Amino acid sequence: MTKYLISEASPPALLYRIPVACHLLGIKQTKLMDLMKRGEIRSVKIDGATLFRREELERFAAGLEERAP
């Protein structure tokens, strides 16, 4: 099996698993699942794994500023 080295020069991942998405957004998994159920953030499934597109996380985070009072 080939191992891939990830360095700061590597481009960011295109898809993130739930724990990484939570870390990037600074929220807990239960909150992320609630946002998914309400349709506020979209995910994709690949072989049963729930993944989040980088652009979707960025879209959601940018939308928070628009909703702020």
C-alpha atoms as a PDB file:
ATOM      1  CA  MET A   1       0.000   0.000   0.000  1.00  0.00           C
ATOM      2  CA  THR A   2       1.289   3.445  -0.892  1.00  0.00           C
ATOM      3  CA  LYS A   3       1.537   5.976   1.903  1.00  0.00           C
ATOM      4  CA  TYR A   4       0.912   9.610   1.092  1.00  0.00           C
ATOM      5  CA  LEU A   5       2.762  12.339   2.886  1.00  0.00           C
ATOM      6  CA  ILE A   6       0.728  15.352   3.866  1.00  0.00           C
ATOM      7  CA  SER A   7       2.621  18.556   4.332  1.00  0.00           C
ATOM      8  CA  GLU A   8       1.720  22.200   4.553  1.00  0.00           C
ATOM      9  CA  ALA A   9       2.433  22.365   0.821  1.00  0.00           C
ATOM     10  CA  SER A  10      -0.311  19.781   0.169  1.00  0.00           C
ATOM     11  CA  PRO A  11      -3.653  21.159  -0.959  1.00  0.00           C
ATOM     12  CA  PRO A  12      -6.460  20.917   1.614  1.00  0.00           C
ATOM     13  CA  ALA A  13      -8.622  17.808   1.516  1.00  0.00           C
ATOM     14  CA  LEU A  14     -11.763  17.977  -0.593  1.00  0.00           C
ATOM     15  CA  LEU A  15     -13.856  15.849   1.778  1.00  0.00           C
ATOM     16  CA  TYR A  16     -13.822  15.645   5.564  1.00  0.00           C
ATOM     17  CA  ARG A  17     -15.179  13.010   7.955  1.00  0.00           C
ATOM     18  CA  ILE A  18     -17.437  14.043  10.833  1.00  0.00           C
ATOM     19  CA  PRO A  19     -14.715  14.503  13.510  1.00  0.00           C
ATOM     20  CA  VAL A  20     -12.615  16.731  11.249  1.00  0.00           C
ATOM     21  CA  ALA A  21     -15.649  18.737  10.099  1.00  0.00           C
ATOM     22  CA  CYS A  22     -16.589  19.300  13.757  1.00  0.00           C
ATOM     23  CA  HIS A  23     -13.056  20.413  14.565  1.00  0.00           C
ATOM     24  CA  LEU A  24     -12.941  22.815  11.625  1.00  0.00           C
ATOM     25  CA  LEU A  25     -16.312  24.338  12.546  1.00  0.00           C
ATOM     26  CA  GLY A  26     -15.588  24.328  16.283  1.00  0.00           C
ATOM     27  CA  ILE A  27     -18.782  22.432  17.141  1.00  0.00           C
ATOM     28  CA  LYS A  28     -19.671  19.098  18.709  1.00  0.00           C
ATOM     29  CA  GLN A  29     -20.860  16.099  16.715  1.00  0.00           C
ATOM     30  CA  THR A  30     -24.408  16.347  18.083  1.00  0.00           C
ATOM     31  CA  LYS A  31     -24.655  19.928  16.809  1.00  0.00           C
ATOM     32  CA  LEU A  32     -23.345  18.916  13.382  1.00  0.00           C
ATOM     33  CA  MET A  33     -25.894  16.099  13.159  1.00  0.00           C
ATOM     34  CA  ASP A  34     -28.665  18.531  14.158  1.00  0.00           C
ATOM     35  CA  LEU A  35     -27.578  20.972  11.433  1.00  0.00           C
ATOM     36  CA  MET A  36     -27.658  18.112   8.910  1.00  0.00           C
ATOM     37  CA  LYS A  37     -31.166  17.054   9.962  1.00  0.00           C
ATOM     38  CA  ARG A  38     -32.406  20.646   9.626  1.00  0.00           C
ATOM     39  CA  GLY A  39     -30.839  20.898   6.163  1.00  0.00           C
ATOM     40  CA  GLU A  40     -28.488  23.717   7.132  1.00  0.00           C
ATOM     41  CA  ILE A  41     -25.402  21.779   6.108  1.00  0.00           C
ATOM     42  CA  ARG A  42     -25.190  19.112   3.413  1.00  0.00           C
ATOM     43  CA  SER A  43     -23.171  15.919   3.455  1.00  0.00           C
ATOM     44  CA  VAL A  44     -22.364  13.158   1.003  1.00  0.00           C
ATOM     45  CA  LYS A  45     -22.137   9.413   1.594  1.00  0.00           C
ATOM     46  CA  ILE A  46     -19.366   7.241   0.204  1.00  0.00           C
ATOM     47  CA  ASP A  47     -19.394   3.562   1.145  1.00  0.00           C
ATOM     48  CA  GLY A  48     -21.477   4.397   4.207  1.00  0.00           C
ATOM     49  CA  ALA A  49     -19.141   7.140   5.434  1.00  0.00           C
ATOM     50  CA  THR A  50     -20.649  10.591   5.960  1.00  0.00           C
ATOM     51  CA  LEU A  51     -18.394  13.228   4.434  1.00  0.00           C
ATOM     52  CA  PHE A  52     -18.537  16.994   4.086  1.00  0.00           C
ATOM     53  CA  ARG A  53     -17.229  18.952   1.112  1.00  0.00           C
ATOM     54  CA  ARG A  54     -14.757  21.696   2.028  1.00  0.00           C
ATOM     55  CA  GLU A  55     -16.856  24.193   0.066  1.00  0.00           C
ATOM     56  CA  GLU A  56     -19.959  23.219   2.054  1.00  0.00           C
ATOM     57  CA  LEU A  57     -18.201  23.880   5.365  1.00  0.00           C
ATOM     58  CA  GLU A  58     -16.985  27.235   4.043  1.00  0.00           C
ATOM     59  CA  ARG A  59     -20.485  28.103   2.759  1.00  0.00           C
ATOM     60  CA  PHE A  60     -22.029  27.296   6.120  1.00  0.00           C
ATOM     61  CA  ALA A  61     -19.435  29.283   8.076  1.00  0.00           C
ATOM     62  CA  ALA A  62     -19.803  32.302   5.761  1.00  0.00           C
ATOM     63  CA  GLY A  63     -23.579  32.174   6.206  1.00  0.00           C
ATOM     64  CA  LEU A  64     -23.180  32.526   9.967  1.00  0.00           C
ATOM     65  CA  GLU A  65     -22.026  36.099   9.513  1.00  0.00           C
ATOM     66  CA  GLU A  66     -25.169  36.897   7.532  1.00  0.00           C
ATOM     67  CA  ARG A  67     -27.392  35.488  10.301  1.00  0.00           C
ATOM     68  CA  ALA A  68     -25.598  37.299  13.131  1.00  0.00           C
ATOM     69  CA  PRO A  69     -27.641  40.051  14.846  1.00  0.00           C
END
